[in-house]
Amino acid sequence: MLITDHLKEQRGDAPAHERHAARPAEPRVLIADDQSDVLEALRLLLKAEGFILETASSPAGVLAAVEAREFDVALIDLNYTRDTTSGEEGLNLLSRIQSIDPTLPVVVMTAWGSVEVAVEAMRRGARDFVQKPWDNAQLLLVIQQGIERAQLLRELRQKISELDTAHSTLKNTQARLLKAFL
């Protein structure tokens, strides 16, 4: 999809049948938290919005999921060990996620946030930072923005790959033509 088509779709300029046809499959969201009640609350909120969800309750579960399949956005807690509030587990997890899939927007969340932790999360590649308890409308907006960014980044990477392939083909054709005529 061209960027202009994407903008038309966002503004609603395209006819309804074109907007529906241009939409990607339901976005896939990874949710990670060690508290089952938090996972359930997020599952209910996001399922109602039509997202395909996968949950994980540990950093190892998150890494296994990210290595196994592509997600449009990940929403991860910063603390997984009981009575831990430093955020270090989640910050380390964030760095590892980014090394596996640098295009995956990661939104970090915690009940124990501080400006320092938020800044460090952003430095390590977080797309956004959400304080628990969250505001549903704000969280949905943050997730939707992450999904749109991921889709655009992946589309851009695909176009760059196609251009690289076309460039290589042109260079090879040029070399053959020069060889044939010289």
Protein backbone atom coordinates (compact mmCIF):
# COMPACT_ATOMS: atom_id res chain seq x y z
CA MET A 1 0.00 0.00 0.00
CA LEU A 2 1.34 3.43 -0.90
CA ILE A 3 1.67 6.01 1.83
CA THR A 4 -0.91 8.18 0.05
CA ASP A 5 -3.32 5.24 0.03
CA HIS A 6 -2.62 4.71 3.74
CA LEU A 7 -3.39 8.38 4.42
CA LYS A 8 -6.60 8.20 2.38
CA GLU A 9 -7.60 5.11 4.33
CA GLN A 10 -6.89 6.91 7.62
CA ARG A 11 -8.95 9.94 6.55
CA GLY A 12 -11.71 7.75 5.15
CA ASP A 13 -11.39 9.15 1.59
CA ALA A 14 -11.36 5.71 0.00
CA PRO A 15 -14.68 3.95 -0.70
CA ALA A 16 -15.76 1.56 2.06
CA HIS A 17 -15.03 -1.56 -0.02
CA GLU A 18 -11.48 -0.33 -0.70
CA ARG A 19 -10.85 0.53 2.95
CA HIS A 20 -11.98 -2.92 4.03
CA ALA A 21 -9.94 -4.68 1.33
CA ALA A 22 -6.80 -2.71 2.21
CA ARG A 23 -6.92 -3.59 5.89
CA PRO A 24 -4.40 -6.10 7.11
CA ALA A 25 -5.46 -9.15 9.09
CA GLU A 26 -6.30 -8.58 12.73
CA PRO A 27 -3.26 -7.24 14.53
CA ARG A 28 -1.37 -9.70 16.73
CA VAL A 29 -0.57 -8.42 20.22
CA LEU A 30 1.71 -10.03 22.80
CA ILE A 31 0.80 -9.28 26.42
CA ALA A 32 3.26 -10.13 29.20
CA ASP A 33 2.69 -9.84 32.92
CA ASP A 34 3.27 -12.15 35.88
CA GLN A 35 -0.13 -11.34 37.39
CA SER A 36 -2.98 -13.40 35.97
CA ASP A 37 -5.60 -10.75 36.83
CA VAL A 38 -3.69 -8.14 34.82
CA LEU A 39 -3.39 -10.54 31.86
CA GLU A 40 -7.12 -11.27 32.05
CA ALA A 41 -8.09 -7.57 32.21
CA LEU A 42 -5.88 -6.80 29.20
CA ARG A 43 -7.17 -9.86 27.35
CA LEU A 44 -10.78 -8.75 27.81
CA LEU A 45 -10.04 -5.16 26.76
CA LEU A 46 -8.01 -6.05 23.68
CA LYS A 47 -10.12 -9.01 22.54
CA ALA A 48 -13.13 -6.70 22.43
CA GLU A 49 -11.14 -4.53 19.99
CA GLY A 50 -10.56 -7.47 17.64
CA PHE A 51 -6.89 -8.11 18.33
CA ILE A 52 -5.37 -11.58 18.14
CA LEU A 53 -3.76 -12.07 21.53
CA GLU A 54 -1.01 -14.16 23.01
CA THR A 55 -0.02 -13.96 26.64
CA ALA A 56 3.16 -14.72 28.54
CA SER A 57 3.81 -14.65 32.27
CA SER A 58 7.62 -14.62 32.24
CA PRO A 59 10.52 -13.14 30.28
CA ALA A 60 11.31 -16.63 28.92
CA GLY A 61 7.74 -16.93 27.64
CA VAL A 62 7.99 -13.55 25.94
CA LEU A 63 11.26 -14.44 24.21
CA ALA A 64 9.90 -17.80 23.05
CA ALA A 65 6.82 -16.09 21.58
CA VAL A 66 8.82 -13.34 19.82
CA GLU A 67 11.20 -15.91 18.36
CA ALA A 68 8.32 -18.12 17.18
CA ARG A 69 6.10 -15.58 15.40
CA GLU A 70 5.68 -11.98 14.36
CA PHE A 71 3.65 -9.57 16.48
CA ASP A 72 2.39 -6.10 15.66
CA VAL A 73 2.98 -4.81 19.19
CA ALA A 74 4.11 -6.17 22.55
CA LEU A 75 2.84 -4.90 25.88
CA ILE A 76 5.23 -6.01 28.62
CA ASP A 77 5.45 -5.56 32.37
CA LEU A 78 8.76 -4.46 33.84
CA ASN A 79 8.69 -6.69 36.95
CA TYR A 80 8.16 -10.47 36.99
CA THR A 81 9.70 -11.68 40.25
CA ARG A 82 7.59 -11.30 43.38
CA ASP A 83 8.47 -8.23 45.47
CA THR A 84 10.68 -6.79 42.74
CA THR A 85 10.08 -3.16 41.76
CA SER A 86 13.27 -2.04 40.03
CA GLY A 87 12.08 -2.74 36.49
CA GLU A 88 15.43 -4.31 35.65
CA GLU A 89 13.89 -7.62 34.50
CA GLY A 90 11.68 -5.85 32.00
CA LEU A 91 14.42 -3.50 30.84
CA ASN A 92 16.71 -6.46 30.13
CA LEU A 93 13.82 -8.23 28.39
CA LEU A 94 13.21 -5.15 26.28
CA SER A 95 16.80 -5.15 25.06
CA ARG A 96 16.57 -8.83 24.16
CA ILE A 97 13.26 -8.34 22.31
CA GLN A 98 14.81 -5.52 20.28
CA SER A 99 17.72 -7.77 19.29
CA ILE A 100 15.27 -10.41 18.01
CA ASP A 101 12.84 -8.05 16.23
CA PRO A 102 13.91 -4.41 16.02
CA THR A 103 10.68 -3.48 14.18
CA LEU A 104 8.44 -4.70 17.02
CA PRO A 105 7.00 -1.76 18.95
CA VAL A 106 7.20 -2.58 22.65
CA VAL A 107 5.05 -0.77 25.19
CA VAL A 108 6.27 -1.19 28.76
CA MET A 109 4.00 -0.95 31.77
CA THR A 110 4.53 -0.97 35.50
CA ALA A 111 2.90 0.01 38.75
CA TRP A 112 6.32 1.03 40.07
CA GLY A 113 7.30 3.62 37.49
CA SER A 114 9.59 6.57 37.81
CA VAL A 115 10.94 9.11 35.37
CA GLU A 116 14.31 7.34 35.46
CA VAL A 117 12.80 3.95 34.59
CA ALA A 118 10.68 5.47 31.82
CA VAL A 119 13.70 7.21 30.30
CA GLU A 120 15.76 4.03 30.48
CA ALA A 121 12.95 2.04 28.85
CA MET A 122 12.77 4.52 25.98
CA ARG A 123 16.56 4.48 25.65
CA ARG A 124 16.44 0.70 25.31
CA GLY A 125 13.85 0.88 22.56
CA ALA A 126 10.40 1.06 24.17
CA ARG A 127 7.81 2.72 21.99
CA ASP A 128 5.84 4.00 24.98
CA PHE A 129 5.51 3.73 28.74
CA VAL A 130 2.21 3.05 30.54
CA GLN A 131 1.67 3.42 34.28
CA LYS A 132 -0.60 0.91 36.05
CA PRO A 133 -3.46 1.27 36.59
CA TRP A 134 -3.94 2.31 32.99
CA ASP A 135 -6.61 4.33 31.27
CA ASN A 136 -8.30 2.03 28.72
CA ALA A 137 -8.76 4.67 26.02
CA GLN A 138 -5.16 5.87 26.33
CA LEU A 139 -3.80 2.31 26.32
CA LEU A 140 -5.81 1.45 23.20
CA LEU A 141 -4.47 4.56 21.48
CA VAL A 142 -0.87 3.69 22.38
CA ILE A 143 -1.33 0.13 21.12
CA GLN A 144 -2.97 1.29 17.87
CA GLN A 145 -0.14 3.75 17.24
CA GLY A 146 2.38 0.96 17.83
CA ILE A 147 0.58 -1.31 15.40
CA GLU A 148 0.48 1.37 12.72
CA ARG A 149 4.19 2.06 13.20
CA ALA A 150 5.06 -1.65 12.94
CA GLN A 151 3.02 -2.05 9.78
CA LEU A 152 4.62 1.00 8.18
CA LEU A 153 8.14 -0.07 9.18
CA ARG A 154 7.62 -3.57 7.79
CA GLU A 155 6.12 -2.17 4.60
CA LEU A 156 9.09 0.17 4.24
CA ARG A 157 11.56 -2.69 4.78
CA GLN A 158 9.72 -4.73 2.14
CA LYS A 159 9.88 -1.85 -0.36
CA ILE A 160 13.58 -1.33 0.34
CA SER A 161 14.19 -5.03 -0.23
CA GLU A 162 12.28 -4.87 -3.51
CA LEU A 163 14.31 -1.84 -4.59
CA ASP A 164 17.57 -3.60 -3.67
CA THR A 165 16.53 -6.60 -5.77
CA ALA A 166 15.55 -4.38 -8.70
CA HIS A 167 18.84 -2.48 -8.40
CA SER A 168 20.85 -5.71 -8.44
CA THR A 169 18.94 -6.92 -11.47
CA LEU A 170 19.61 -3.65 -13.29
CA LYS A 171 23.32 -3.80 -12.44
CA ASN A 172 23.55 -7.37 -13.73
CA THR A 173 21.68 -6.44 -16.91
CA GLN A 174 23.91 -3.43 -17.40
CA ALA A 175 27.05 -5.55 -16.98
CA ARG A 176 25.77 -8.13 -19.51
CA LEU A 177 24.88 -5.43 -22.01
CA LEU A 178 28.24 -3.72 -21.65
CA LYS A 179 29.99 -7.04 -22.10
CA ALA A 180 27.89 -7.88 -25.16
CA PHE A 181 28.47 -4.54 -26.88
CA LEU A 182 32.05 -3.84 -25.92
